Structure formats: structure tokens, C-alpha cells
Amino acid sequence: MFKKILVPLDGSPLSEGALLPALEMARRFEARVVLFRTSVLPEHLMVSPVPVSPATYAEIEQSILDTTRDYLDDMKARHLDAGVPIQTANASGEAAKEILDFAQAQGIDLIVMSTHGRSGFQRWLFGSVAEKVMRHAPCPVLAVRPKE
């Protein structure tokens, strides 16, 4: 049924809470897990009153990408004993859009992701990546709620 399971991560313990359920499902369905993270340049660099040279901008962008790859490699290494194939992938841009684009392009069968449990004003202010993904995903989405 499921052969490719996507687990979007943002570096937080909350997002990592989706990993164990995804690995368990992958074991049961003999599927592969793809750990995915988006990198976004800090907004203050894009609207900084002090000009940032293209070389400095490129160095910062490369550093962020390297940090993202290191994080994903670390998460993969921590779960090698799970008994399922694990891949990593990353992209730069707005999280929900990149998750949806990747899922579509890679033929993902299931997305397992955590919700951050925001409501009210915080949800309005920050938006909900999980909600956007659930509304527009090309496949089923399993939303894992944070432990209380």
C-alpha cells in the first residue's frame, strides 16, 4: 500500500515526534522513509538595511544548507537500526510548498508529520504548515499530535 513515506522535519523535537510512527508504518508496509527538511534564509538578510554582498549571501546560504544536511544525516544515523531504508532530502523555500512539490515529484504515498498544536492567534499569525499540507497533498497525510 505505502512504499514511500515522507517525514517533514523542522529541527524541533515536536517535528521529530512523527518519526517513530513513520518508521513503524514503514516496517509494516516494507516501505522506505524519506526525511525531508526545508531551509529558509533568515528574513532579516533579505530586508536588511545594510546591504549584504552576493558572496556573503551565498556563504550564508551554503552554511544553512550544510547545517540542514548535517541534521538530516544525524537523524538518519540515529534510526539506522529501525530496519527500514531511510533517505534524506532537502529544499530551500516555504515549507508547505516545498513539501507538497517534493511529494508530488517523488511519488510519495504517505506523509507523516507532526502538528505544533497552535491555535487561535498563534495559528493565524504563524499559519499551519500541517494544515496546508493536509489540504493540498497528493497523498494521505497522517498528522501526529504533540504529546501533552
N, C-alpha and C. Protein backbone atom coordinates (compact mmCIF):
# COMPACT_ATOMS: atom_id res chain seq x y z
N MET A 1 0.83 -1.19 0.00
CA MET A 1 0.00 0.00 0.00
C MET A 1 0.87 1.26 0.00
N PHE A 2 1.72 1.42 1.01
CA PHE A 2 2.62 2.56 1.07
C PHE A 2 4.04 2.07 0.78
N LYS A 3 4.71 2.70 -0.17
CA LYS A 3 6.09 2.33 -0.48
C LYS A 3 7.08 3.45 -0.16
N LYS A 4 6.61 4.71 -0.21
CA LYS A 4 7.45 5.86 0.12
C LYS A 4 6.72 6.73 1.12
N ILE A 5 7.33 6.88 2.30
CA ILE A 5 6.73 7.66 3.37
C ILE A 5 7.61 8.89 3.63
N LEU A 6 7.03 10.05 3.49
CA LEU A 6 7.75 11.30 3.69
C LEU A 6 7.54 11.80 5.11
N VAL A 7 8.64 12.18 5.77
CA VAL A 7 8.57 12.74 7.12
C VAL A 7 9.21 14.13 7.09
N PRO A 8 8.41 15.18 7.01
CA PRO A 8 8.97 16.54 7.05
C PRO A 8 9.44 16.86 8.47
N LEU A 9 10.64 17.40 8.58
CA LEU A 9 11.22 17.77 9.87
C LEU A 9 11.61 19.24 9.83
N ASP A 10 11.51 19.90 10.98
CA ASP A 10 11.95 21.30 11.04
C ASP A 10 13.05 21.51 12.07
N GLY A 11 13.56 20.42 12.62
CA GLY A 11 14.63 20.53 13.61
C GLY A 11 14.14 20.56 15.04
N SER A 12 12.83 20.60 15.23
CA SER A 12 12.29 20.67 16.58
C SER A 12 11.97 19.27 17.09
N PRO A 13 12.00 19.08 18.41
CA PRO A 13 11.58 17.80 18.98
C PRO A 13 10.14 17.46 18.60
N LEU A 14 9.29 18.46 18.46
CA LEU A 14 7.90 18.20 18.07
C LEU A 14 7.83 17.55 16.70
N SER A 15 8.57 18.08 15.74
CA SER A 15 8.53 17.51 14.39
C SER A 15 9.11 16.09 14.40
N GLU A 16 10.09 15.86 15.23
CA GLU A 16 10.73 14.54 15.31
C GLU A 16 9.79 13.50 15.93
N GLY A 17 8.73 13.96 16.59
CA GLY A 17 7.74 13.05 17.15
C GLY A 17 7.01 12.25 16.09
N ALA A 18 7.06 12.66 14.84
CA ALA A 18 6.42 11.93 13.75
C ALA A 18 7.29 10.79 13.24
N LEU A 19 8.54 10.80 13.61
CA LEU A 19 9.48 9.82 13.04
C LEU A 19 9.19 8.39 13.49
N LEU A 20 8.97 8.16 14.76
CA LEU A 20 8.72 6.79 15.24
C LEU A 20 7.46 6.18 14.63
N PRO A 21 6.33 6.89 14.58
CA PRO A 21 5.17 6.31 13.90
C PRO A 21 5.44 6.03 12.41
N ALA A 22 6.20 6.90 11.76
CA ALA A 22 6.52 6.70 10.34
C ALA A 22 7.39 5.46 10.15
N LEU A 23 8.37 5.28 11.03
CA LEU A 23 9.24 4.11 10.94
C LEU A 23 8.45 2.82 11.19
N GLU A 24 7.54 2.86 12.13
CA GLU A 24 6.71 1.68 12.41
C GLU A 24 5.84 1.34 11.20
N MET A 25 5.25 2.34 10.58
CA MET A 25 4.44 2.09 9.39
C MET A 25 5.31 1.56 8.26
N ALA A 26 6.50 2.11 8.12
CA ALA A 26 7.41 1.66 7.07
C ALA A 26 7.77 0.18 7.27
N ARG A 27 8.00 -0.22 8.51
CA ARG A 27 8.29 -1.64 8.79
C ARG A 27 7.12 -2.52 8.37
N ARG A 28 5.94 -2.11 8.74
CA ARG A 28 4.74 -2.92 8.45
C ARG A 28 4.45 -3.02 6.96
N PHE A 29 4.72 -1.94 6.23
CA PHE A 29 4.41 -1.92 4.80
C PHE A 29 5.63 -2.18 3.92
N GLU A 30 6.78 -2.47 4.56
CA GLU A 30 8.04 -2.67 3.82
C GLU A 30 8.31 -1.47 2.90
N ALA A 31 8.19 -0.30 3.49
CA ALA A 31 8.33 0.95 2.75
C ALA A 31 9.66 1.62 3.08
N ARG A 32 9.97 2.63 2.33
CA ARG A 32 11.15 3.46 2.56
C ARG A 32 10.69 4.77 3.17
N VAL A 33 11.53 5.33 4.05
CA VAL A 33 11.22 6.61 4.70
C VAL A 33 12.14 7.68 4.11
N VAL A 34 11.56 8.82 3.80
CA VAL A 34 12.34 9.96 3.32
C VAL A 34 12.22 11.07 4.36
N LEU A 35 13.36 11.41 4.97
CA LEU A 35 13.41 12.53 5.91
C LEU A 35 13.63 13.79 5.10
N PHE A 36 12.80 14.80 5.31
CA PHE A 36 12.82 16.00 4.46
C PHE A 36 12.82 17.25 5.32
N ARG A 37 13.65 18.18 4.94
CA ARG A 37 13.68 19.47 5.65
C ARG A 37 13.88 20.60 4.66
N THR A 38 13.19 21.70 4.91
CA THR A 38 13.38 22.89 4.09
C THR A 38 14.30 23.86 4.81
N SER A 39 15.07 24.57 4.03
CA SER A 39 15.97 25.61 4.56
C SER A 39 15.46 26.95 4.07
N VAL A 40 15.43 27.89 4.96
CA VAL A 40 14.99 29.24 4.60
C VAL A 40 16.02 30.22 5.13
N LEU A 41 16.44 31.14 4.29
CA LEU A 41 17.35 32.17 4.75
C LEU A 41 16.63 33.07 5.75
N PRO A 42 17.32 33.50 6.78
CA PRO A 42 16.69 34.40 7.74
C PRO A 42 16.14 35.65 7.03
N GLU A 43 14.91 36.00 7.40
CA GLU A 43 14.24 37.13 6.75
C GLU A 43 15.02 38.43 6.87
N HIS A 44 15.71 38.62 8.00
CA HIS A 44 16.41 39.89 8.18
C HIS A 44 17.52 40.08 7.14
N LEU A 45 18.02 39.00 6.55
CA LEU A 45 19.03 39.14 5.50
C LEU A 45 18.42 39.66 4.20
N MET A 46 17.16 39.29 3.99
CA MET A 46 16.51 39.70 2.74
C MET A 46 16.01 41.14 2.80
N VAL A 47 15.77 41.65 4.00
CA VAL A 47 15.25 43.01 4.13
C VAL A 47 16.19 43.88 4.96
N SER A 48 17.43 43.47 5.04
CA SER A 48 18.41 44.18 5.86
C SER A 48 18.66 45.58 5.33
N PRO A 49 18.71 46.60 6.24
CA PRO A 49 19.03 47.95 5.80
C PRO A 49 20.51 48.05 5.38
N VAL A 50 21.32 47.12 5.86
CA VAL A 50 22.73 47.07 5.47
C VAL A 50 22.85 46.07 4.32
N PRO A 51 23.35 46.51 3.19
CA PRO A 51 23.45 45.60 2.04
C PRO A 51 24.36 44.40 2.36
N VAL A 52 23.91 43.24 1.93
CA VAL A 52 24.69 42.01 2.08
C VAL A 52 25.23 41.67 0.70
N SER A 53 26.54 41.51 0.60
CA SER A 53 27.14 41.22 -0.70
C SER A 53 26.68 39.85 -1.19
N PRO A 54 26.64 39.67 -2.50
CA PRO A 54 26.25 38.37 -3.04
C PRO A 54 27.14 37.23 -2.53
N ALA A 55 28.44 37.49 -2.36
CA ALA A 55 29.34 36.46 -1.86
C ALA A 55 28.99 36.07 -0.42
N THR A 56 28.71 37.08 0.41
CA THR A 56 28.33 36.81 1.80
C THR A 56 27.00 36.07 1.85
N TYR A 57 26.07 36.50 1.04
CA TYR A 57 24.76 35.86 0.96
C TYR A 57 24.94 34.40 0.57
N ALA A 58 25.76 34.12 -0.43
CA ALA A 58 26.00 32.75 -0.88
C ALA A 58 26.65 31.91 0.21
N GLU A 59 27.57 32.50 0.96
CA GLU A 59 28.22 31.78 2.06
C GLU A 59 27.21 31.43 3.15
N ILE A 60 26.35 32.36 3.48
CA ILE A 60 25.33 32.12 4.50
C ILE A 60 24.36 31.03 4.02
N GLU A 61 23.95 31.14 2.77
CA GLU A 61 23.04 30.14 2.21
C GLU A 61 23.68 28.75 2.23
N GLN A 62 24.95 28.66 1.86
CA GLN A 62 25.65 27.37 1.87
C GLN A 62 25.76 26.82 3.29
N SER A 63 26.03 27.70 4.24
CA SER A 63 26.14 27.28 5.63
C SER A 63 24.81 26.71 6.14
N ILE A 64 23.72 27.35 5.77
CA ILE A 64 22.39 26.87 6.17
C ILE A 64 22.10 25.51 5.53
N LEU A 65 22.45 25.36 4.26
CA LEU A 65 22.24 24.08 3.58
C LEU A 65 23.09 22.98 4.21
N ASP A 66 24.33 23.30 4.55
CA ASP A 66 25.21 22.32 5.20
C ASP A 66 24.65 21.89 6.56
N THR A 67 24.15 22.86 7.31
CA THR A 67 23.56 22.56 8.62
C THR A 67 22.33 21.66 8.45
N THR A 68 21.53 21.94 7.44
CA THR A 68 20.35 21.13 7.15
C THR A 68 20.74 19.70 6.81
N ARG A 69 21.73 19.55 5.94
CA ARG A 69 22.19 18.21 5.56
C ARG A 69 22.76 17.46 6.76
N ASP A 70 23.53 18.16 7.58
CA ASP A 70 24.10 17.53 8.79
C ASP A 70 22.99 17.03 9.72
N TYR A 71 21.97 17.86 9.90
CA TYR A 71 20.84 17.49 10.75
C TYR A 71 20.16 16.23 10.21
N LEU A 72 19.87 16.22 8.91
CA LEU A 72 19.20 15.07 8.31
C LEU A 72 20.07 13.82 8.40
N ASP A 73 21.36 13.95 8.15
CA ASP A 73 22.28 12.81 8.26
C ASP A 73 22.30 12.27 9.69
N ASP A 74 22.27 13.17 10.67
CA ASP A 74 22.25 12.77 12.07
C ASP A 74 20.96 12.02 12.40
N MET A 75 19.83 12.53 11.94
CA MET A 75 18.56 11.87 12.19
C MET A 75 18.53 10.49 11.54
N LYS A 76 19.07 10.39 10.36
CA LYS A 76 19.14 9.09 9.67
C LYS A 76 20.02 8.12 10.47
N ALA A 77 21.18 8.58 10.91
CA ALA A 77 22.11 7.73 11.66
C ALA A 77 21.49 7.23 12.96
N ARG A 78 20.70 8.07 13.61
CA ARG A 78 20.05 7.68 14.87
C ARG A 78 19.05 6.55 14.70
N HIS A 79 18.54 6.39 13.48
CA HIS A 79 17.47 5.42 13.25
C HIS A 79 17.86 4.32 12.25
N LEU A 80 19.15 4.11 12.06
CA LEU A 80 19.59 3.06 11.14
C LEU A 80 19.15 1.68 11.60
N ASP A 81 19.01 1.49 12.90
CA ASP A 81 18.61 0.19 13.43
C ASP A 81 17.11 -0.06 13.32
N ALA A 82 16.37 0.83 12.69
CA ALA A 82 14.92 0.68 12.56
C ALA A 82 14.53 -0.43 11.59
N GLY A 83 15.47 -0.85 10.77
CA GLY A 83 15.18 -1.95 9.85
C GLY A 83 14.44 -1.55 8.60
N VAL A 84 14.46 -0.25 8.27
CA VAL A 84 13.83 0.21 7.03
C VAL A 84 14.81 1.13 6.30
N PRO A 85 14.72 1.17 4.97
CA PRO A 85 15.57 2.09 4.24
C PRO A 85 15.18 3.54 4.54
N ILE A 86 16.18 4.37 4.79
CA ILE A 86 15.94 5.79 5.09
C ILE A 86 16.78 6.63 4.12
N GLN A 87 16.13 7.58 3.49
CA GLN A 87 16.80 8.55 2.62
C GLN A 87 16.63 9.93 3.24
N THR A 88 17.40 10.87 2.75
CA THR A 88 17.23 12.25 3.16
C THR A 88 17.10 13.13 1.93
N ALA A 89 16.41 14.23 2.09
CA ALA A 89 16.26 15.21 1.01
C ALA A 89 15.99 16.56 1.64
N ASN A 90 16.41 17.60 0.95
CA ASN A 90 16.14 18.95 1.44
C ASN A 90 15.88 19.88 0.27
N ALA A 91 15.28 21.00 0.61
CA ALA A 91 14.97 22.03 -0.38
C ALA A 91 15.03 23.38 0.31
N SER A 92 15.07 24.42 -0.48
CA SER A 92 15.04 25.78 0.06
C SER A 92 13.73 26.43 -0.34
N GLY A 93 13.08 27.06 0.63
CA GLY A 93 11.85 27.75 0.32
C GLY A 93 10.82 27.62 1.43
N GLU A 94 9.60 27.98 1.12
CA GLU A 94 8.50 27.95 2.07
C GLU A 94 8.13 26.49 2.32
N ALA A 95 8.04 26.11 3.57
CA ALA A 95 7.94 24.70 3.97
C ALA A 95 6.78 23.95 3.30
N ALA A 96 5.57 24.44 3.43
CA ALA A 96 4.42 23.70 2.90
C ALA A 96 4.54 23.50 1.39
N LYS A 97 4.91 24.53 0.68
CA LYS A 97 5.05 24.43 -0.78
C LYS A 97 6.11 23.41 -1.16
N GLU A 98 7.24 23.45 -0.48
CA GLU A 98 8.33 22.53 -0.81
C GLU A 98 7.95 21.09 -0.48
N ILE A 99 7.25 20.87 0.63
CA ILE A 99 6.80 19.52 0.99
C ILE A 99 5.84 19.00 -0.08
N LEU A 100 4.88 19.82 -0.47
CA LEU A 100 3.91 19.42 -1.47
C LEU A 100 4.56 19.16 -2.82
N ASP A 101 5.46 20.02 -3.24
CA ASP A 101 6.16 19.84 -4.52
C ASP A 101 6.99 18.55 -4.51
N PHE A 102 7.70 18.31 -3.40
CA PHE A 102 8.53 17.12 -3.30
C PHE A 102 7.66 15.86 -3.32
N ALA A 103 6.58 15.86 -2.56
CA ALA A 103 5.69 14.70 -2.52
C ALA A 103 5.15 14.38 -3.91
N GLN A 104 4.76 15.40 -4.64
CA GLN A 104 4.23 15.22 -6.00
C GLN A 104 5.33 14.69 -6.93
N ALA A 105 6.48 15.32 -6.92
CA ALA A 105 7.56 14.95 -7.84
C ALA A 105 8.13 13.57 -7.57
N GLN A 106 8.15 13.16 -6.30
CA GLN A 106 8.77 11.89 -5.93
C GLN A 106 7.78 10.73 -5.77
N GLY A 107 6.53 10.97 -6.04
CA GLY A 107 5.53 9.91 -5.93
C GLY A 107 5.39 9.36 -4.53
N ILE A 108 5.37 10.26 -3.56
CA ILE A 108 5.23 9.88 -2.16
C ILE A 108 3.83 9.30 -1.95
N ASP A 109 3.75 8.20 -1.17
CA ASP A 109 2.47 7.53 -0.92
C ASP A 109 1.80 7.97 0.37
N LEU A 110 2.60 8.48 1.32
CA LEU A 110 2.07 8.89 2.63
C LEU A 110 3.00 9.94 3.22
N ILE A 111 2.43 10.96 3.81
CA ILE A 111 3.19 11.97 4.54
C ILE A 111 2.84 11.81 6.01
N VAL A 112 3.85 11.64 6.86
CA VAL A 112 3.64 11.56 8.30
C VAL A 112 4.33 12.77 8.91
N MET A 113 3.55 13.65 9.53
CA MET A 113 4.14 14.86 10.08
C MET A 113 3.44 15.25 11.37
N SER A 114 4.18 15.96 12.19
CA SER A 114 3.58 16.41 13.45
C SER A 114 2.93 17.76 13.25
N THR A 115 2.00 18.04 14.15
CA THR A 115 1.42 19.37 14.21
C THR A 115 2.07 20.05 15.41
N HIS A 116 2.14 21.33 15.38
CA HIS A 116 2.73 22.05 16.51
C HIS A 116 1.69 22.43 17.55
N GLY A 117 0.46 22.10 17.28
CA GLY A 117 -0.58 22.31 18.29
C GLY A 117 -0.95 23.76 18.52
N ARG A 118 -0.67 24.62 17.55
CA ARG A 118 -1.04 26.02 17.73
C ARG A 118 -2.53 26.20 17.49
N SER A 119 -3.09 27.20 18.14
CA SER A 119 -4.49 27.52 17.88
C SER A 119 -4.66 29.02 18.04
N GLY A 120 -5.83 29.47 17.66
CA GLY A 120 -6.17 30.88 17.84
C GLY A 120 -5.20 31.83 17.16
N PHE A 121 -4.77 32.84 17.92
CA PHE A 121 -3.93 33.90 17.38
C PHE A 121 -2.61 33.36 16.83
N GLN A 122 -1.97 32.44 17.55
CA GLN A 122 -0.68 31.91 17.07
C GLN A 122 -0.85 31.21 15.74
N ARG A 123 -1.91 30.45 15.58
CA ARG A 123 -2.15 29.76 14.31
C ARG A 123 -2.37 30.77 13.19
N TRP A 124 -3.12 31.82 13.48
CA TRP A 124 -3.36 32.86 12.49
C TRP A 124 -2.06 33.57 12.13
N LEU A 125 -1.25 33.87 13.13
CA LEU A 125 -0.01 34.61 12.93
C LEU A 125 1.03 33.78 12.18
N PHE A 126 1.24 32.54 12.60
CA PHE A 126 2.30 31.71 12.03
C PHE A 126 1.83 30.80 10.91
N GLY A 127 0.51 30.61 10.81
CA GLY A 127 0.00 29.68 9.82
C GLY A 127 0.23 28.26 10.29
N SER A 128 -0.23 27.34 9.54
CA SER A 128 -0.05 25.95 9.88
C SER A 128 0.45 25.20 8.65
N VAL A 129 1.70 24.79 8.71
CA VAL A 129 2.27 24.01 7.61
C VAL A 129 1.49 22.72 7.47
N ALA A 130 1.21 22.06 8.60
CA ALA A 130 0.49 20.79 8.56
C ALA A 130 -0.88 20.96 7.89
N GLU A 131 -1.58 22.03 8.24
CA GLU A 131 -2.90 22.25 7.66
C GLU A 131 -2.80 22.46 6.14
N LYS A 132 -1.83 23.25 5.71
CA LYS A 132 -1.66 23.47 4.26
C LYS A 132 -1.33 22.16 3.55
N VAL A 133 -0.46 21.37 4.15
CA VAL A 133 -0.09 20.09 3.54
C VAL A 133 -1.31 19.17 3.47
N MET A 134 -2.07 19.08 4.58
CA MET A 134 -3.25 18.21 4.59
C MET A 134 -4.27 18.62 3.53
N ARG A 135 -4.43 19.91 3.34
CA ARG A 135 -5.43 20.39 2.38
C ARG A 135 -5.04 20.13 0.92
N HIS A 136 -3.73 20.11 0.64
CA HIS A 136 -3.30 20.08 -0.76
C HIS A 136 -2.43 18.89 -1.14
N ALA A 137 -2.19 17.98 -0.24
CA ALA A 137 -1.29 16.85 -0.51
C ALA A 137 -1.84 15.93 -1.60
N PRO A 138 -0.94 15.39 -2.41
CA PRO A 138 -1.36 14.46 -3.45
C PRO A 138 -1.52 13.03 -2.92
N CYS A 139 -1.42 12.85 -1.60
CA CYS A 139 -1.49 11.53 -0.97
C CYS A 139 -2.05 11.69 0.44
N PRO A 140 -2.32 10.59 1.13
CA PRO A 140 -2.79 10.70 2.51
C PRO A 140 -1.74 11.35 3.42
N VAL A 141 -2.21 12.02 4.46
CA VAL A 141 -1.35 12.65 5.46
C VAL A 141 -1.77 12.16 6.83
N LEU A 142 -0.79 11.66 7.58
CA LEU A 142 -1.03 11.29 8.97
C LEU A 142 -0.44 12.38 9.84
N ALA A 143 -1.30 13.09 10.55
CA ALA A 143 -0.85 14.18 11.42
C ALA A 143 -0.70 13.63 12.84
N VAL A 144 0.51 13.75 13.36
CA VAL A 144 0.81 13.28 14.71
C VAL A 144 0.75 14.46 15.65
N ARG A 145 -0.13 14.39 16.65
CA ARG A 145 -0.27 15.49 17.60
C ARG A 145 0.86 15.43 18.62
N PRO A 146 1.30 16.59 19.11
CA PRO A 146 2.34 16.58 20.14
C PRO A 146 1.83 15.96 21.41
N LYS A 147 2.74 15.31 22.14
CA LYS A 147 2.36 14.74 23.44
C LYS A 147 2.15 15.86 24.42
N GLU A 148 1.10 15.75 25.18
CA GLU A 148 0.76 16.81 26.15
C GLU A 148 1.67 16.72 27.34
